[in-house]
Amino acid sequence: MPTPSCETGSVPRLRSPASARSSLCRENGGGELFWGVFDKNESALAFYRSLGAKEVRDVRLMRLPV
């Protein structure tokens, strides 16, 4: 899935897919969704906060080059 870009204005179109993912999560017994956002991407952070998302401070995102 391509990464949405706040600069191109594609982030607002995520409201529907985000809602669909939330529904799918609940239907399968899930209680939370997790995803990553770059620290300096203030517009994305503001957008996700507007959806009710909260920052998780006790989890670290890890990557391993292959």
N, C-alpha and C. Protein backbone atom coordinates (compact mmCIF):
# COMPACT_ATOMS: atom_id res chain seq x y z
N MET A 1 0.83 -1.17 0.00
CA MET A 1 0.00 0.00 0.00
C MET A 1 0.88 1.24 0.00
N PRO A 2 0.64 2.19 -0.88
CA PRO A 2 1.47 3.39 -0.92
C PRO A 2 1.31 4.21 0.36
N THR A 3 2.37 4.86 0.74
CA THR A 3 2.34 5.71 1.92
C THR A 3 1.61 7.00 1.58
N PRO A 4 0.59 7.37 2.36
CA PRO A 4 -0.11 8.62 2.07
C PRO A 4 0.77 9.82 2.35
N SER A 5 0.58 10.85 1.59
CA SER A 5 1.38 12.06 1.76
C SER A 5 0.48 13.22 2.14
N CYS A 6 0.80 13.86 3.26
CA CYS A 6 0.03 15.03 3.69
C CYS A 6 0.18 16.15 2.69
N GLU A 7 1.35 16.24 2.06
CA GLU A 7 1.61 17.33 1.13
C GLU A 7 0.72 17.25 -0.10
N THR A 8 0.34 16.04 -0.52
CA THR A 8 -0.49 15.91 -1.72
C THR A 8 -1.97 15.96 -1.40
N GLY A 9 -2.30 16.05 -0.11
CA GLY A 9 -3.70 16.13 0.27
C GLY A 9 -4.39 14.78 0.30
N SER A 10 -3.65 13.67 0.27
CA SER A 10 -4.29 12.37 0.23
C SER A 10 -4.70 11.87 1.60
N VAL A 11 -4.22 12.47 2.67
CA VAL A 11 -4.52 11.98 4.02
C VAL A 11 -6.01 12.02 4.33
N PRO A 12 -6.76 13.08 4.00
CA PRO A 12 -8.19 13.05 4.34
C PRO A 12 -8.94 11.87 3.76
N ARG A 13 -8.47 11.30 2.65
CA ARG A 13 -9.13 10.13 2.08
C ARG A 13 -8.95 8.90 2.95
N LEU A 14 -8.09 8.96 3.96
CA LEU A 14 -7.89 7.81 4.85
C LEU A 14 -9.02 7.63 5.85
N ARG A 15 -9.86 8.61 6.02
CA ARG A 15 -10.93 8.48 7.02
C ARG A 15 -11.75 7.22 6.76
N SER A 16 -12.16 6.98 5.53
CA SER A 16 -12.95 5.79 5.22
C SER A 16 -12.16 4.50 5.43
N PRO A 17 -10.95 4.35 4.84
CA PRO A 17 -10.19 3.13 5.10
C PRO A 17 -9.85 2.94 6.58
N ALA A 18 -9.58 4.03 7.31
CA ALA A 18 -9.28 3.90 8.73
C ALA A 18 -10.50 3.36 9.46
N SER A 19 -11.66 3.84 9.10
CA SER A 19 -12.90 3.37 9.70
C SER A 19 -13.14 1.90 9.36
N ALA A 20 -12.86 1.53 8.11
CA ALA A 20 -13.03 0.13 7.70
C ALA A 20 -12.06 -0.77 8.46
N ARG A 21 -10.84 -0.31 8.65
CA ARG A 21 -9.86 -1.11 9.40
C ARG A 21 -10.28 -1.25 10.86
N SER A 22 -10.82 -0.19 11.42
CA SER A 22 -11.30 -0.24 12.80
C SER A 22 -12.43 -1.26 12.93
N SER A 23 -13.35 -1.24 11.99
CA SER A 23 -14.47 -2.19 12.00
C SER A 23 -13.96 -3.61 11.88
N LEU A 24 -13.05 -3.85 10.96
CA LEU A 24 -12.47 -5.18 10.76
C LEU A 24 -11.77 -5.66 12.02
N CYS A 25 -11.07 -4.76 12.67
CA CYS A 25 -10.37 -5.09 13.92
C CYS A 25 -11.38 -5.52 14.99
N ARG A 26 -12.44 -4.73 15.17
CA ARG A 26 -13.46 -5.06 16.17
C ARG A 26 -14.16 -6.38 15.86
N GLU A 27 -14.49 -6.60 14.58
CA GLU A 27 -15.16 -7.83 14.17
C GLU A 27 -14.33 -9.08 14.47
N ASN A 28 -13.02 -8.91 14.51
CA ASN A 28 -12.12 -10.04 14.76
C ASN A 28 -11.59 -10.06 16.19
N GLY A 29 -12.25 -9.33 17.08
CA GLY A 29 -11.90 -9.38 18.49
C GLY A 29 -10.77 -8.45 18.90
N GLY A 30 -10.32 -7.59 18.00
CA GLY A 30 -9.24 -6.65 18.33
C GLY A 30 -9.77 -5.45 19.09
N GLY A 31 -8.90 -4.85 19.86
CA GLY A 31 -9.30 -3.68 20.62
C GLY A 31 -8.55 -2.42 20.25
N GLU A 32 -7.44 -2.54 19.49
CA GLU A 32 -6.63 -1.38 19.14
C GLU A 32 -5.96 -1.60 17.79
N LEU A 33 -5.67 -0.48 17.12
CA LEU A 33 -4.85 -0.48 15.91
C LEU A 33 -3.57 0.28 16.22
N PHE A 34 -2.46 -0.20 15.71
CA PHE A 34 -1.17 0.48 15.86
C PHE A 34 -0.61 0.77 14.48
N TRP A 35 0.07 1.91 14.32
CA TRP A 35 0.76 2.25 13.09
C TRP A 35 1.87 3.23 13.41
N GLY A 36 2.71 3.48 12.46
CA GLY A 36 3.84 4.38 12.66
C GLY A 36 3.64 5.71 11.96
N VAL A 37 4.18 6.77 12.58
CA VAL A 37 4.16 8.12 12.02
C VAL A 37 5.50 8.77 12.36
N PHE A 38 6.12 9.40 11.39
CA PHE A 38 7.37 10.10 11.66
C PHE A 38 7.14 11.26 12.62
N ASP A 39 8.04 11.44 13.58
CA ASP A 39 7.93 12.47 14.62
C ASP A 39 7.68 13.86 14.05
N LYS A 40 8.32 14.19 12.95
CA LYS A 40 8.26 15.54 12.42
C LYS A 40 7.09 15.77 11.47
N ASN A 41 6.29 14.74 11.25
CA ASN A 41 5.14 14.88 10.35
C ASN A 41 3.94 15.41 11.14
N GLU A 42 4.01 16.69 11.47
CA GLU A 42 3.01 17.31 12.33
C GLU A 42 1.60 17.27 11.74
N SER A 43 1.49 17.41 10.42
CA SER A 43 0.14 17.39 9.84
C SER A 43 -0.49 16.00 9.96
N ALA A 44 0.30 14.95 9.79
CA ALA A 44 -0.23 13.59 9.97
C ALA A 44 -0.58 13.34 11.43
N LEU A 45 0.29 13.79 12.33
CA LEU A 45 0.01 13.62 13.76
C LEU A 45 -1.29 14.34 14.13
N ALA A 46 -1.47 15.54 13.64
CA ALA A 46 -2.70 16.29 13.92
C ALA A 46 -3.92 15.57 13.35
N PHE A 47 -3.78 15.05 12.14
CA PHE A 47 -4.87 14.32 11.51
C PHE A 47 -5.26 13.10 12.34
N TYR A 48 -4.27 12.29 12.72
CA TYR A 48 -4.58 11.08 13.50
C TYR A 48 -5.15 11.43 14.87
N ARG A 49 -4.66 12.50 15.47
CA ARG A 49 -5.24 12.95 16.75
C ARG A 49 -6.69 13.35 16.56
N SER A 50 -7.00 13.96 15.41
CA SER A 50 -8.39 14.37 15.15
C SER A 50 -9.32 13.16 15.03
N LEU A 51 -8.75 12.01 14.72
CA LEU A 51 -9.53 10.77 14.66
C LEU A 51 -9.68 10.12 16.04
N GLY A 52 -8.97 10.68 17.03
CA GLY A 52 -9.02 10.13 18.38
C GLY A 52 -7.83 9.28 18.75
N ALA A 53 -6.82 9.21 17.88
CA ALA A 53 -5.63 8.41 18.15
C ALA A 53 -4.79 9.05 19.26
N LYS A 54 -4.18 8.22 20.05
CA LYS A 54 -3.29 8.66 21.14
C LYS A 54 -1.88 8.13 20.86
N GLU A 55 -0.87 8.92 21.24
CA GLU A 55 0.52 8.48 21.07
C GLU A 55 0.85 7.38 22.07
N VAL A 56 1.63 6.40 21.62
CA VAL A 56 2.09 5.31 22.48
C VAL A 56 3.57 5.57 22.74
N ARG A 57 3.90 5.88 23.98
CA ARG A 57 5.27 6.25 24.33
C ARG A 57 6.11 5.06 24.77
N ASP A 58 5.48 3.94 25.10
CA ASP A 58 6.24 2.81 25.66
C ASP A 58 6.54 1.71 24.64
N VAL A 59 6.39 2.02 23.35
CA VAL A 59 6.68 1.06 22.29
C VAL A 59 7.71 1.67 21.35
N ARG A 60 8.68 0.88 20.94
CA ARG A 60 9.70 1.34 19.98
C ARG A 60 9.51 0.61 18.67
N LEU A 61 9.55 1.34 17.57
CA LEU A 61 9.51 0.76 16.25
C LEU A 61 10.91 0.31 15.89
N MET A 62 11.05 -0.92 15.45
CA MET A 62 12.37 -1.48 15.11
C MET A 62 12.39 -1.80 13.61
N ARG A 63 13.60 -1.74 13.02
CA ARG A 63 13.72 -2.16 11.63
C ARG A 63 15.02 -2.92 11.47
N LEU A 64 15.05 -3.82 10.53
CA LEU A 64 16.21 -4.64 10.26
C LEU A 64 16.45 -4.65 8.75
N PRO A 65 17.50 -4.02 8.28
CA PRO A 65 17.79 -4.05 6.84
C PRO A 65 18.05 -5.49 6.38
N VAL A 66 17.55 -5.81 5.20
CA VAL A 66 17.78 -7.16 4.64
C VAL A 66 18.41 -7.07 3.28
